Protein backbone atom coordinates (compact mmCIF):
# COMPACT_ATOMS: atom_id res chain seq x y z
CA MET A 1 29.76 61.38 19.60
CA THR A 2 31.61 64.17 17.83
CA SER A 3 35.02 63.87 16.28
CA SER A 4 37.99 65.87 17.43
CA SER A 5 38.57 69.03 15.42
CA ALA A 6 42.28 68.14 15.27
CA GLU A 7 41.56 65.04 13.18
CA PRO A 8 40.89 65.65 9.49
CA LEU A 9 37.70 64.30 7.91
CA PHE A 10 37.89 60.86 6.35
CA SER A 11 37.61 62.48 2.92
CA THR A 12 40.54 64.86 3.45
CA PRO A 13 43.40 63.65 1.22
CA ARG A 14 46.55 62.31 2.78
CA TYR A 15 49.76 62.77 0.87
CA ALA A 16 52.97 60.78 0.77
CA ALA A 17 55.98 62.16 2.63
CA THR A 18 58.48 59.75 1.08
CA ALA A 19 58.30 57.44 -1.92
CA THR A 20 57.44 53.83 -1.29
CA PRO A 21 60.15 51.48 -2.60
CA THR A 22 57.75 49.38 -4.66
CA PRO A 23 59.20 47.65 -7.75
CA ALA A 24 57.98 49.08 -11.04
CA SER A 25 58.50 48.30 -14.71
CA GLN A 26 58.54 52.04 -15.34
CA ARG A 27 58.22 55.16 -13.20
CA LEU A 28 56.65 58.38 -14.38
CA LEU A 29 57.39 61.41 -12.25
CA VAL A 30 55.23 64.44 -13.01
CA ALA A 31 56.29 67.65 -11.25
CA GLN A 32 55.21 71.25 -11.43
CA ASP A 33 58.78 72.20 -10.56
CA ALA A 34 61.67 69.82 -11.25
CA SER A 35 63.91 71.42 -8.63
CA ARG A 36 61.62 70.02 -5.90
CA ALA A 37 61.69 66.45 -7.29
CA GLY A 38 65.32 65.49 -6.61
CA GLY A 39 64.54 63.15 -3.71
CA LEU A 40 62.23 61.03 -5.84
CA LEU A 41 64.80 60.24 -8.52
CA ASP A 42 66.94 57.77 -6.57
CA GLN A 43 64.57 54.83 -6.93
CA PRO A 44 65.35 51.66 -8.91
CA GLY A 45 64.03 51.18 -12.41
CA PRO A 46 63.62 53.40 -15.45
CA MET A 47 62.32 56.88 -14.66
CA ARG A 48 60.82 59.52 -16.93
CA LEU A 49 60.34 63.06 -15.60
CA LEU A 50 57.72 65.43 -17.00
CA THR A 51 57.85 68.95 -15.64
CA LEU A 52 56.64 72.49 -16.23
CA HIS A 53 59.66 74.29 -14.78
CA GLY A 54 63.32 73.52 -14.31
CA GLU A 55 65.57 70.61 -15.10
CA LEU A 56 67.43 68.03 -13.07
CA ALA A 57 70.85 66.78 -14.13
CA ALA A 58 70.24 63.47 -12.33
CA ALA A 59 67.13 62.60 -14.38
CA GLU A 60 67.70 60.06 -17.15
CA GLN A 61 64.79 61.09 -19.33
CA GLN A 62 63.12 64.40 -18.75
CA GLU A 63 60.83 66.67 -20.68
CA CYS A 64 60.14 70.26 -19.72
CA LEU A 65 56.83 71.16 -21.31
CA PRO A 66 55.74 74.73 -22.10
CA SER A 67 52.26 74.62 -20.51
CA THR A 68 50.05 72.55 -18.27
CA GLU A 69 47.92 71.61 -21.26
CA ALA A 70 51.00 70.30 -23.12
CA LEU A 71 52.11 68.40 -20.03
CA PHE A 72 48.68 66.79 -19.59
CA LEU A 73 48.54 65.78 -23.27
CA ARG A 74 52.04 64.27 -23.12
CA LEU A 75 51.22 62.42 -19.91
CA GLN A 76 48.00 61.06 -21.40
CA MET A 77 49.95 59.71 -24.38
CA LEU A 78 52.58 58.11 -22.12
CA LEU A 79 49.92 56.54 -19.89
CA GLU A 80 48.10 55.07 -22.89
CA GLN A 81 51.37 53.38 -23.94
CA ALA A 82 52.52 52.46 -20.42
CA PRO A 83 53.33 48.82 -19.71
CA ALA A 84 51.79 46.92 -16.82
CA GLY A 85 53.59 47.70 -13.58
CA THR A 86 53.98 51.42 -14.30
CA ARG A 87 53.96 53.65 -11.22
CA LEU A 88 53.14 57.35 -11.23
CA GLN A 89 54.47 59.90 -8.77
CA VAL A 90 53.03 63.41 -8.86
CA LEU A 91 54.54 66.45 -7.15
CA GLY A 92 52.74 69.80 -6.97
CA ASP A 93 49.86 71.73 -5.46
CA GLU A 94 46.48 70.07 -4.92
CA ALA A 95 44.87 71.47 -8.07
CA PHE A 96 47.72 70.02 -10.16
CA LEU A 97 47.86 66.69 -8.25
CA TRP A 98 44.22 65.84 -8.64
CA HIS A 99 44.05 66.76 -12.31
CA VAL A 100 46.99 64.42 -13.00
CA CYS A 101 45.42 61.77 -10.77
CA ARG A 102 42.15 61.91 -12.76
CA LEU A 103 44.09 61.49 -16.02
CA ALA A 104 45.95 58.49 -14.60
CA ARG A 105 42.81 56.81 -13.25
CA HIS A 106 41.06 57.38 -16.57
CA ALA A 107 44.04 55.72 -18.33
CA GLY A 108 43.63 52.66 -16.10
CA LEU A 109 46.13 53.12 -13.27
CA LEU A 110 44.95 51.94 -9.87
CA ALA A 111 45.06 54.16 -6.80
CA ASP A 112 47.89 51.97 -5.42
CA GLU A 113 50.00 52.79 -8.50
CA ILE A 114 49.80 56.55 -7.90
CA GLU A 115 51.67 58.51 -5.22
CA LEU A 116 50.84 62.15 -4.57
CA PHE A 117 53.28 64.62 -2.97
CA LYS A 118 51.70 67.96 -2.05
CA LEU A 119 53.63 71.22 -2.36
CA GLY A 120 52.09 74.68 -2.25
CA GLU A 121 48.75 76.03 -1.09
CA ARG A 122 46.73 76.23 -4.33
CA ARG A 123 43.67 73.98 -4.32
CA ARG A 124 40.40 73.59 -6.22
CA LEU A 125 37.02 74.67 -4.90
CA TYR A 126 33.69 73.41 -6.23
CA CYS A 127 30.72 75.73 -5.76
CA VAL A 128 27.74 73.51 -4.90
CA HIS A 129 25.37 76.28 -6.04
CA CYS A 130 26.49 76.77 -9.66
CA SER A 131 28.82 73.74 -10.16
CA GLU A 132 31.78 75.90 -11.17
CA MET A 133 35.37 75.26 -10.13
CA GLN A 134 37.91 77.86 -9.11
CA ASP A 135 41.41 77.85 -7.67
CA ILE A 136 41.88 79.20 -4.16
CA GLY A 137 44.62 79.31 -1.53
CA SER A 138 44.30 78.24 2.09
CA GLU A 139 41.39 80.57 2.93
CA THR A 140 38.25 79.15 4.55
CA GLU A 141 35.85 81.71 3.03
CA CYS A 142 35.61 83.28 -0.43
CA SER A 143 33.11 84.39 -3.04
CA CYS A 144 32.35 82.24 -6.05
CA ARG A 145 33.84 83.93 -9.10
CA HIS A 146 30.96 82.66 -11.24
CA CYS A 147 27.74 83.15 -9.26
CA GLY A 148 28.94 85.55 -6.53
CA VAL A 149 27.68 83.49 -3.57
CA LYS A 150 29.81 83.94 -0.44
CA LEU A 151 31.19 80.45 0.25
CA PHE A 152 32.44 78.56 3.26
CA VAL A 153 35.18 76.11 2.22
CA ARG A 154 34.33 72.78 3.83
CA GLU A 155 36.99 70.28 4.82
CA HIS A 156 35.16 67.67 2.74
CA PHE A 157 37.17 66.77 -0.35
CA SER A 158 35.73 65.01 -3.40
CA GLN A 159 38.32 62.80 -5.07
CA ARG A 160 36.01 62.45 -8.07
CA LEU A 161 36.04 66.21 -8.60
CA GLY A 162 39.50 66.79 -7.13
CA ALA A 163 38.10 69.69 -5.13
CA TYR A 164 36.89 70.90 -1.77
CA MET A 165 33.21 71.76 -1.41
CA GLY A 166 32.13 75.39 -1.16
CA VAL A 167 28.73 75.95 0.46
CA CYS A 168 26.80 79.13 1.08
CA LEU A 169 28.20 80.95 4.12
CA ASP A 170 24.90 82.65 4.99
CA PRO A 171 21.84 80.97 3.41
CA ASP A 172 19.61 83.88 4.49
CA ARG A 173 21.73 86.34 2.44
CA PRO A 174 23.69 84.30 -0.13
CA TYR A 175 24.55 87.28 -2.38
CA GLU A 176 25.10 89.87 0.38
CA GLN A 177 28.84 90.32 -0.19
CA ALA A 178 28.61 90.07 -3.97
CA HIS A 179 26.04 92.86 -4.26
CA ALA A 180 27.33 95.15 -1.50
CA GLY A 181 29.64 96.91 -3.97
CA GLU A 182 26.78 97.49 -6.45
CA ARG A 183 24.67 99.24 -3.82
CA GLN A 184 27.48 101.61 -2.89
CA ALA A 185 28.07 102.67 -6.50
C-alpha cells in the first residue's frame, strides 16, 4: 500500500500555528524578527524575548542581539539558568528553528516544552555523500556546495540533524552537473 502524495512523511516537521496556553514559570521567546512575534506576547507569566532584528514595545524584557552566534550564546546561558517549568517558543525559518531546538534539548528541555513557529523558506540540507550541511530554499534539487554532487532533496527530515536529506539525483553520473562547466572551459 502506498501513501498519498498529499500527506507529508511521518518525519516531516509540523509547526505550531498558535501558542498553546500552557502554564509556565518562565517563557523564553526566541525570534529571528521581533516584528513577527507580537501574537505570542499576550500569554500569562513572565516573558523574555531574544531577537536578531527589531523591537516590540509590548515585550517586558527583550534583548536584540547583534548576530546569530551572540543570540545562541545568550540563549544557552539563559537555558542553563532556567527554572523548572520554563517554556521555549521559537519563531523563524527552519534552519534557525532547529538550531535553537537542538540547543534547548541539549540544555534539558523536553520536546513538550518547546514550540516551533515556522516563517520563511530557508532550510538546512544534509548531503548524505560528504556529510556537509548547507542552507537552501524551497527547491527540490541542488548541487552540494562541498562535494559537487547533484542532489535530490528528500522529504525525510532528521530532527537530530535539523535537516532534510540530500541524495544523489543520478547515481550513474553523480558529478555530471558539477563538472559540466569544467569541460566547456
